[in-house]
Amino acid sequence: MAPQFFKAQFALFLRSRRALRHFRRRLMLESLETHGQAVPAPPGLSSSLRQASEDDAATLLARMGSRDTGLTQDEAETIRARGAQRGRT
């Protein structure tokens, strides 16, 4: 009895605030609604991603300025400091 009471009270609360649309089940086609138009990818992105997918790992790491062992401690600290500065602005 108590769960039904609370469900009914919650439904009344949602109806009174016109918030039922947030909790209803959506049809599959409704979930495909778009809000505006798709933004095209930057001009060189497709070709650079395609090139990266075709390169072997060593070439790709060299082009990205990275290595398979990861960052050094100094590089990691530099990146963390840069991220902290962005957070403050």
PDB file of N, CA and C in Angstrom:
ATOM      1  N   MET A   1       0.817  -1.192   0.000  1.00  0.00           N
ATOM      2  CA  MET A   1       0.000   0.000   0.000  1.00  0.00           C
ATOM      3  C   MET A   1       0.859   1.254   0.000  1.00  0.00           C
ATOM      4  N   ALA A   2       1.902   1.296   0.817  1.00  0.00           N
ATOM      5  CA  ALA A   2       2.744   2.486   0.925  1.00  0.00           C
ATOM      6  C   ALA A   2       3.470   2.800  -0.386  1.00  0.00           C
ATOM      7  N   PRO A   3       4.043   1.796  -1.081  1.00  0.00           N
ATOM      8  CA  PRO A   3       4.707   2.137  -2.339  1.00  0.00           C
ATOM      9  C   PRO A   3       3.749   2.767  -3.356  1.00  0.00           C
ATOM     10  N   GLN A   4       2.521   2.268  -3.439  1.00  0.00           N
ATOM     11  CA  GLN A   4       1.552   2.840  -4.370  1.00  0.00           C
ATOM     12  C   GLN A   4       1.222   4.280  -3.991  1.00  0.00           C
ATOM     13  N   PHE A   5       1.129   4.556  -2.707  1.00  0.00           N
ATOM     14  CA  PHE A   5       0.846   5.907  -2.231  1.00  0.00           C
ATOM     15  C   PHE A   5       1.956   6.860  -2.666  1.00  0.00           C
ATOM     16  N   PHE A   6       3.204   6.440  -2.476  1.00  0.00           N
ATOM     17  CA  PHE A   6       4.330   7.305  -2.841  1.00  0.00           C
ATOM     18  C   PHE A   6       4.433   7.493  -4.356  1.00  0.00           C
ATOM     19  N   LYS A   7       4.140   6.430  -5.114  1.00  0.00           N
ATOM     20  CA  LYS A   7       4.137   6.553  -6.575  1.00  0.00           C
ATOM     21  C   LYS A   7       3.084   7.554  -7.013  1.00  0.00           C
ATOM     22  N   ALA A   8       1.907   7.474  -6.413  1.00  0.00           N
ATOM     23  CA  ALA A   8       0.830   8.399  -6.772  1.00  0.00           C
ATOM     24  C   ALA A   8       1.202   9.830  -6.389  1.00  0.00           C
ATOM     25  N   GLN A   9       1.821  10.023  -5.235  1.00  0.00           N
ATOM     26  CA  GLN A   9       2.223  11.360  -4.815  1.00  0.00           C
ATOM     27  C   GLN A   9       3.307  11.929  -5.730  1.00  0.00           C
ATOM     28  N   PHE A  10       4.239  11.079  -6.124  1.00  0.00           N
ATOM     29  CA  PHE A  10       5.300  11.522  -7.027  1.00  0.00           C
ATOM     30  C   PHE A  10       4.724  11.900  -8.390  1.00  0.00           C
ATOM     31  N   ALA A  11       3.785  11.092  -8.906  1.00  0.00           N
ATOM     32  CA  ALA A  11       3.142  11.398 -10.178  1.00  0.00           C
ATOM     33  C   ALA A  11       2.383  12.722 -10.091  1.00  0.00           C
ATOM     34  N   LEU A  12       1.718  12.961  -8.982  1.00  0.00           N
ATOM     35  CA  LEU A  12       1.012  14.223  -8.781  1.00  0.00           C
ATOM     36  C   LEU A  12       1.994  15.395  -8.761  1.00  0.00           C
ATOM     37  N   PHE A  13       3.120  15.200  -8.084  1.00  0.00           N
ATOM     38  CA  PHE A  13       4.164  16.227  -8.032  1.00  0.00           C
ATOM     39  C   PHE A  13       4.666  16.559  -9.436  1.00  0.00           C
ATOM     40  N   LEU A  14       4.947  15.531 -10.232  1.00  0.00           N
ATOM     41  CA  LEU A  14       5.451  15.749 -11.589  1.00  0.00           C
ATOM     42  C   LEU A  14       4.414  16.432 -12.468  1.00  0.00           C
ATOM     43  N   ARG A  15       3.160  15.983 -12.372  1.00  0.00           N
ATOM     44  CA  ARG A  15       2.106  16.608 -13.175  1.00  0.00           C
ATOM     45  C   ARG A  15       1.933  18.071 -12.808  1.00  0.00           C
ATOM     46  N   SER A  16       2.004  18.379 -11.524  1.00  0.00           N
ATOM     47  CA  SER A  16       1.799  19.760 -11.100  1.00  0.00           C
ATOM     48  C   SER A  16       2.921  20.670 -11.595  1.00  0.00           C
ATOM     49  N   ARG A  17       4.075  20.140 -11.844  1.00  0.00           N
ATOM     50  CA  ARG A  17       5.196  20.944 -12.325  1.00  0.00           C
ATOM     51  C   ARG A  17       5.475  20.720 -13.801  1.00  0.00           C
ATOM     52  N   ARG A  18       4.586  20.021 -14.460  1.00  0.00           N
ATOM     53  CA  ARG A  18       4.707  19.730 -15.891  1.00  0.00           C
ATOM     54  C   ARG A  18       6.068  19.111 -16.224  1.00  0.00           C
ATOM     55  N   ALA A  19       6.498  18.200 -15.380  1.00  0.00           N
ATOM     56  CA  ALA A  19       7.819  17.593 -15.551  1.00  0.00           C
ATOM     57  C   ALA A  19       7.743  16.139 -15.995  1.00  0.00           C
ATOM     58  N   LEU A  20       6.571  15.659 -16.329  1.00  0.00           N
ATOM     59  CA  LEU A  20       6.439  14.253 -16.719  1.00  0.00           C
ATOM     60  C   LEU A  20       7.256  13.914 -17.957  1.00  0.00           C
ATOM     61  N   ARG A  21       7.455  14.878 -18.841  1.00  0.00           N
ATOM     62  CA  ARG A  21       8.183  14.584 -20.078  1.00  0.00           C
ATOM     63  C   ARG A  21       9.612  14.121 -19.808  1.00  0.00           C
ATOM     64  N   HIS A  22      10.153  14.454 -18.645  1.00  0.00           N
ATOM     65  CA  HIS A  22      11.515  14.033 -18.318  1.00  0.00           C
ATOM     66  C   HIS A  22      11.575  12.571 -17.894  1.00  0.00           C
ATOM     67  N   PHE A  23      10.448  11.998 -17.507  1.00  0.00           N
ATOM     68  CA  PHE A  23      10.440  10.638 -16.982  1.00  0.00           C
ATOM     69  C   PHE A  23       9.671   9.655 -17.853  1.00  0.00           C
ATOM     70  N   ARG A  24       9.166  10.102 -18.995  1.00  0.00           N
ATOM     71  CA  ARG A  24       8.394   9.185 -19.832  1.00  0.00           C
ATOM     72  C   ARG A  24       9.328   8.363 -20.720  1.00  0.00           C
ATOM     73  N   ARG A  25       8.808   7.248 -21.153  1.00  0.00           N
ATOM     74  CA  ARG A  25       9.577   6.430 -22.096  1.00  0.00           C
ATOM     75  C   ARG A  25       9.479   7.065 -23.464  1.00  0.00           C
ATOM     76  N   ARG A  26      10.575   7.068 -24.175  1.00  0.00           N
ATOM     77  CA  ARG A  26      10.621   7.693 -25.489  1.00  0.00           C
ATOM     78  C   ARG A  26      10.573   6.630 -26.579  1.00  0.00           C
ATOM     79  N   LEU A  27       9.883   6.944 -27.626  1.00  0.00           N
ATOM     80  CA  LEU A  27       9.916   6.071 -28.794  1.00  0.00           C
ATOM     81  C   LEU A  27      11.284   6.180 -29.442  1.00  0.00           C
ATOM     82  N   MET A  28      11.660   5.194 -30.183  1.00  0.00           N
ATOM     83  CA  MET A  28      12.980   5.192 -30.790  1.00  0.00           C
ATOM     84  C   MET A  28      13.168   6.385 -31.725  1.00  0.00           C
ATOM     85  N   LEU A  29      12.167   6.717 -32.515  1.00  0.00           N
ATOM     86  CA  LEU A  29      12.314   7.827 -33.446  1.00  0.00           C
ATOM     87  C   LEU A  29      12.397   9.164 -32.719  1.00  0.00           C
ATOM     88  N   GLU A  30      11.745   9.287 -31.558  1.00  0.00           N
ATOM     89  CA  GLU A  30      11.842  10.523 -30.790  1.00  0.00           C
ATOM     90  C   GLU A  30      13.265  10.749 -30.291  1.00  0.00           C
ATOM     91  N   SER A  31      13.971   9.671 -30.026  1.00  0.00           N
ATOM     92  CA  SER A  31      15.321   9.818 -29.503  1.00  0.00           C
ATOM     93  C   SER A  31      16.289  10.304 -30.580  1.00  0.00           C
ATOM     94  N   LEU A  32      15.874  10.268 -31.833  1.00  0.00           N
ATOM     95  CA  LEU A  32      16.732  10.715 -32.926  1.00  0.00           C
ATOM     96  C   LEU A  32      16.527  12.187 -33.263  1.00  0.00           C
ATOM     97  N   GLU A  33      15.678  12.871 -32.496  1.00  0.00           N
ATOM     98  CA  GLU A  33      15.444  14.286 -32.763  1.00  0.00           C
ATOM     99  C   GLU A  33      16.756  15.046 -32.690  1.00  0.00           C
ATOM    100  N   THR A  34      16.914  16.000 -33.579  1.00  0.00           N
ATOM    101  CA  THR A  34      18.108  16.824 -33.553  1.00  0.00           C
ATOM    102  C   THR A  34      17.727  18.223 -33.122  1.00  0.00           C
ATOM    103  N   HIS A  35      18.612  18.858 -32.462  1.00  0.00           N
ATOM    104  CA  HIS A  35      18.402  20.220 -32.010  1.00  0.00           C
ATOM    105  C   HIS A  35      19.364  21.107 -32.795  1.00  0.00           C
ATOM    106  N   GLY A  36      18.970  21.477 -33.982  1.00  0.00           N
ATOM    107  CA  GLY A  36      19.857  22.267 -34.827  1.00  0.00           C
ATOM    108  C   GLY A  36      20.482  21.400 -35.892  1.00  0.00           C
ATOM    109  N   GLN A  37      21.467  21.932 -36.534  1.00  0.00           N
ATOM    110  CA  GLN A  37      22.119  21.214 -37.616  1.00  0.00           C
ATOM    111  C   GLN A  37      23.479  20.693 -37.161  1.00  0.00           C
ATOM    112  N   ALA A  38      23.903  19.631 -37.801  1.00  0.00           N
ATOM    113  CA  ALA A  38      25.207  19.052 -37.486  1.00  0.00           C
ATOM    114  C   ALA A  38      26.311  20.009 -37.920  1.00  0.00           C
ATOM    115  N   VAL A  39      27.352  20.068 -37.128  1.00  0.00           N
ATOM    116  CA  VAL A  39      28.482  20.926 -37.437  1.00  0.00           C
ATOM    117  C   VAL A  39      29.493  20.105 -38.233  1.00  0.00           C
ATOM    118  N   PRO A  40      29.922  20.589 -39.398  1.00  0.00           N
ATOM    119  CA  PRO A  40      30.889  19.819 -40.188  1.00  0.00           C
ATOM    120  C   PRO A  40      32.255  19.769 -39.496  1.00  0.00           C
ATOM    121  N   ALA A  41      32.973  18.699 -39.755  1.00  0.00           N
ATOM    122  CA  ALA A  41      34.316  18.542 -39.189  1.00  0.00           C
ATOM    123  C   ALA A  41      35.265  19.543 -39.852  1.00  0.00           C
ATOM    124  N   PRO A  42      36.300  19.952 -39.127  1.00  0.00           N
ATOM    125  CA  PRO A  42      37.290  20.855 -39.727  1.00  0.00           C
ATOM    126  C   PRO A  42      37.889  20.226 -40.980  1.00  0.00           C
ATOM    127  N   PRO A  43      38.316  21.050 -41.943  1.00  0.00           N
ATOM    128  CA  PRO A  43      38.746  20.549 -43.260  1.00  0.00           C
ATOM    129  C   PRO A  43      39.805  19.448 -43.230  1.00  0.00           C
ATOM    130  N   GLY A  44      40.856  19.586 -42.443  1.00  0.00           N
ATOM    131  CA  GLY A  44      41.937  18.603 -42.497  1.00  0.00           C
ATOM    132  C   GLY A  44      41.758  17.412 -41.574  1.00  0.00           C
ATOM    133  N   LEU A  45      40.701  17.388 -40.786  1.00  0.00           N
ATOM    134  CA  LEU A  45      40.550  16.332 -39.781  1.00  0.00           C
ATOM    135  C   LEU A  45      40.398  14.956 -40.413  1.00  0.00           C
ATOM    136  N   SER A  46      39.566  14.829 -41.412  1.00  0.00           N
ATOM    137  CA  SER A  46      39.331  13.524 -42.045  1.00  0.00           C
ATOM    138  C   SER A  46      40.606  12.937 -42.619  1.00  0.00           C
ATOM    139  N   SER A  47      41.343  13.758 -43.352  1.00  0.00           N
ATOM    140  CA  SER A  47      42.562  13.231 -43.977  1.00  0.00           C
ATOM    141  C   SER A  47      43.619  12.882 -42.940  1.00  0.00           C
ATOM    142  N   SER A  48      43.732  13.687 -41.865  1.00  0.00           N
ATOM    143  CA  SER A  48      44.735  13.368 -40.841  1.00  0.00           C
ATOM    144  C   SER A  48      44.350  12.111 -40.058  1.00  0.00           C
ATOM    145  N   LEU A  49      43.063  11.918 -39.807  1.00  0.00           N
ATOM    146  CA  LEU A  49      42.632  10.685 -39.126  1.00  0.00           C
ATOM    147  C   LEU A  49      42.835   9.462 -40.013  1.00  0.00           C
ATOM    148  N   ARG A  50      42.547   9.612 -41.289  1.00  0.00           N
ATOM    149  CA  ARG A  50      42.757   8.497 -42.217  1.00  0.00           C
ATOM    150  C   ARG A  50      44.246   8.144 -42.281  1.00  0.00           C
ATOM    151  N   GLN A  51      45.108   9.163 -42.355  1.00  0.00           N
ATOM    152  CA  GLN A  51      46.549   8.928 -42.402  1.00  0.00           C
ATOM    153  C   GLN A  51      47.018   8.249 -41.119  1.00  0.00           C
ATOM    154  N   ALA A  52      46.521   8.693 -39.985  1.00  0.00           N
ATOM    155  CA  ALA A  52      46.909   8.094 -38.706  1.00  0.00           C
ATOM    156  C   ALA A  52      46.492   6.629 -38.632  1.00  0.00           C
ATOM    157  N   SER A  53      45.344   6.301 -39.203  1.00  0.00           N
ATOM    158  CA  SER A  53      44.885   4.906 -39.163  1.00  0.00           C
ATOM    159  C   SER A  53      45.733   4.005 -40.054  1.00  0.00           C
ATOM    160  N   GLU A  54      46.361   4.578 -41.079  1.00  0.00           N
ATOM    161  CA  GLU A  54      47.167   3.788 -42.004  1.00  0.00           C
ATOM    162  C   GLU A  54      48.623   3.649 -41.553  1.00  0.00           C
ATOM    163  N   ASP A  55      49.098   4.546 -40.673  1.00  0.00           N
ATOM    164  CA  ASP A  55      50.487   4.505 -40.206  1.00  0.00           C
ATOM    165  C   ASP A  55      50.699   3.373 -39.209  1.00  0.00           C
ATOM    166  N   ASP A  56      51.932   2.901 -39.143  1.00  0.00           N
ATOM    167  CA  ASP A  56      52.262   1.933 -38.100  1.00  0.00           C
ATOM    168  C   ASP A  56      52.466   2.701 -36.791  1.00  0.00           C
ATOM    169  N   ALA A  57      52.538   1.985 -35.685  1.00  0.00           N
ATOM    170  CA  ALA A  57      52.571   2.607 -34.367  1.00  0.00           C
ATOM    171  C   ALA A  57      53.783   3.517 -34.172  1.00  0.00           C
ATOM    172  N   ALA A  58      54.962   3.079 -34.617  1.00  0.00           N
ATOM    173  CA  ALA A  58      56.178   3.877 -34.417  1.00  0.00           C
ATOM    174  C   ALA A  58      56.097   5.204 -35.173  1.00  0.00           C
ATOM    175  N   THR A  59      55.600   5.170 -36.408  1.00  0.00           N
ATOM    176  CA  THR A  59      55.472   6.395 -37.203  1.00  0.00           C
ATOM    177  C   THR A  59      54.457   7.338 -36.575  1.00  0.00           C
ATOM    178  N   LEU A  60      53.348   6.793 -36.133  1.00  0.00           N
ATOM    179  CA  LEU A  60      52.307   7.606 -35.520  1.00  0.00           C
ATOM    180  C   LEU A  60      52.803   8.262 -34.231  1.00  0.00           C
ATOM    181  N   LEU A  61      53.491   7.501 -33.390  1.00  0.00           N
ATOM    182  CA  LEU A  61      54.032   8.065 -32.151  1.00  0.00           C
ATOM    183  C   LEU A  61      55.047   9.164 -32.450  1.00  0.00           C
ATOM    184  N   ALA A  62      55.888   8.959 -33.464  1.00  0.00           N
ATOM    185  CA  ALA A  62      56.881   9.971 -33.827  1.00  0.00           C
ATOM    186  C   ALA A  62      56.200  11.242 -34.331  1.00  0.00           C
ATOM    187  N   ARG A  63      55.169  11.081 -35.154  1.00  0.00           N
ATOM    188  CA  ARG A  63      54.470  12.255 -35.684  1.00  0.00           C
ATOM    189  C   ARG A  63      53.745  13.014 -34.575  1.00  0.00           C
ATOM    190  N   MET A  64      53.284  12.310 -33.559  1.00  0.00           N
ATOM    191  CA  MET A  64      52.563  12.964 -32.466  1.00  0.00           C
ATOM    192  C   MET A  64      53.512  13.483 -31.384  1.00  0.00           C
ATOM    193  N   GLY A  65      54.798  13.215 -31.542  1.00  0.00           N
ATOM    194  CA  GLY A  65      55.759  13.681 -30.551  1.00  0.00           C
ATOM    195  C   GLY A  65      55.650  12.908 -29.249  1.00  0.00           C
ATOM    196  N   SER A  66      55.365  11.630 -29.346  1.00  0.00           N
ATOM    197  CA  SER A  66      55.187  10.806 -28.156  1.00  0.00           C
ATOM    198  C   SER A  66      56.076   9.573 -28.253  1.00  0.00           C
ATOM    199  N   ARG A  67      55.978   8.722 -27.279  1.00  0.00           N
ATOM    200  CA  ARG A  67      56.738   7.467 -27.298  1.00  0.00           C
ATOM    201  C   ARG A  67      55.947   6.405 -26.542  1.00  0.00           C
ATOM    202  N   ASP A  68      56.311   5.151 -26.772  1.00  0.00           N
ATOM    203  CA  ASP A  68      55.525   4.059 -26.192  1.00  0.00           C
ATOM    204  C   ASP A  68      55.701   3.920 -24.675  1.00  0.00           C
ATOM    205  N   THR A  69      56.699   4.560 -24.105  1.00  0.00           N
ATOM    206  CA  THR A  69      56.895   4.477 -22.653  1.00  0.00           C
ATOM    207  C   THR A  69      56.082   5.505 -21.893  1.00  0.00           C
ATOM    208  N   GLY A  70      55.446   6.430 -22.585  1.00  0.00           N
ATOM    209  CA  GLY A  70      54.602   7.422 -21.925  1.00  0.00           C
ATOM    210  C   GLY A  70      55.365   8.687 -21.585  1.00  0.00           C
ATOM    211  N   LEU A  71      54.777   9.493 -20.715  1.00  0.00           N
ATOM    212  CA  LEU A  71      55.376  10.770 -20.326  1.00  0.00           C
ATOM    213  C   LEU A  71      56.447  10.592 -19.262  1.00  0.00           C
ATOM    214  N   THR A  72      57.414  11.501 -19.272  1.00  0.00           N
ATOM    215  CA  THR A  72      58.359  11.549 -18.161  1.00  0.00           C
ATOM    216  C   THR A  72      57.684  12.303 -17.020  1.00  0.00           C
ATOM    217  N   GLN A  73      58.279  12.263 -15.847  1.00  0.00           N
ATOM    218  CA  GLN A  73      57.712  12.951 -14.690  1.00  0.00           C
ATOM    219  C   GLN A  73      57.655  14.465 -14.941  1.00  0.00           C
ATOM    220  N   ASP A  74      58.696  15.020 -15.555  1.00  0.00           N
ATOM    221  CA  ASP A  74      58.709  16.455 -15.844  1.00  0.00           C
ATOM    222  C   ASP A  74      57.598  16.849 -16.824  1.00  0.00           C
ATOM    223  N   GLU A  75      57.407  16.037 -17.871  1.00  0.00           N
ATOM    224  CA  GLU A  75      56.343  16.321 -18.838  1.00  0.00           C
ATOM    225  C   GLU A  75      54.969  16.276 -18.180  1.00  0.00           C
ATOM    226  N   ALA A  76      54.766  15.296 -17.318  1.00  0.00           N
ATOM    227  CA  ALA A  76      53.482  15.169 -16.626  1.00  0.00           C
ATOM    228  C   ALA A  76      53.224  16.377 -15.726  1.00  0.00           C
ATOM    229  N   GLU A  77      54.249  16.819 -15.006  1.00  0.00           N
ATOM    230  CA  GLU A  77      54.087  17.983 -14.136  1.00  0.00           C
ATOM    231  C   GLU A  77      53.799  19.247 -14.942  1.00  0.00           C
ATOM    232  N   THR A  78      54.437  19.386 -16.095  1.00  0.00           N
ATOM    233  CA  THR A  78      54.187  20.540 -16.957  1.00  0.00           C
ATOM    234  C   THR A  78      52.744  20.554 -17.441  1.00  0.00           C
ATOM    235  N   ILE A  79      52.241  19.401 -17.848  1.00  0.00           N
ATOM    236  CA  ILE A  79      50.862  19.304 -18.331  1.00  0.00           C
ATOM    237  C   ILE A  79      49.881  19.573 -17.196  1.00  0.00           C
ATOM    238  N   ARG A  80      50.157  19.030 -16.005  1.00  0.00           N
ATOM    239  CA  ARG A  80      49.284  19.296 -14.854  1.00  0.00           C
ATOM    240  C   ARG A  80      49.248  20.776 -14.514  1.00  0.00           C
ATOM    241  N   ALA A  81      50.401  21.432 -14.564  1.00  0.00           N
ATOM    242  CA  ALA A  81      50.460  22.869 -14.265  1.00  0.00           C
ATOM    243  C   ALA A  81      49.677  23.665 -15.310  1.00  0.00           C
ATOM    244  N   ARG A  82      49.786  23.273 -16.566  1.00  0.00           N
ATOM    245  CA  ARG A  82      49.051  23.950 -17.630  1.00  0.00           C
ATOM    246  C   ARG A  82      47.543  23.764 -17.439  1.00  0.00           C
ATOM    247  N   GLY A  83      47.141  22.571 -17.035  1.00  0.00           N
ATOM    248  CA  GLY A  83      45.718  22.309 -16.784  1.00  0.00           C
ATOM    249  C   GLY A  83      45.202  23.101 -15.597  1.00  0.00           C
ATOM    250  N   ALA A  84      46.015  23.243 -14.553  1.00  0.00           N
ATOM    251  CA  ALA A  84      45.607  24.032 -13.386  1.00  0.00           C
ATOM    252  C   ALA A  84      45.455  25.505 -13.752  1.00  0.00           C
ATOM    253  N   GLN A  85      46.314  25.995 -14.636  1.00  0.00           N
ATOM    254  CA  GLN A  85      46.208  27.399 -15.067  1.00  0.00           C
ATOM    255  C   GLN A  85      44.942  27.610 -15.876  1.00  0.00           C
ATOM    256  N   ARG A  86      44.567  26.640 -16.697  1.00  0.00           N
ATOM    257  CA  ARG A  86      43.332  26.780 -17.482  1.00  0.00           C
ATOM    258  C   ARG A  86      42.118  26.775 -16.569  1.00  0.00           C
ATOM    259  N   GLY A  87      42.173  26.016 -15.487  1.00  0.00           N
ATOM    260  CA  GLY A  87      41.067  25.954 -14.549  1.00  0.00           C
ATOM    261  C   GLY A  87      40.832  27.262 -13.824  1.00  0.00           C
ATOM    262  N   ARG A  88      41.876  28.048 -13.660  1.00  0.00           N
ATOM    263  CA  ARG A  88      41.750  29.330 -12.948  1.00  0.00           C
ATOM    264  C   ARG A  88      41.165  30.438 -13.806  1.00  0.00           C
ATOM    265  N   THR A  89      41.289  30.306 -15.126  1.00  0.00           N
ATOM    266  CA  THR A  89      40.832  31.399 -15.993  1.00  0.00           C
ATOM    267  C   THR A  89      39.358  31.286 -16.298  1.00  0.00           C
TER     268      THR A  89
END
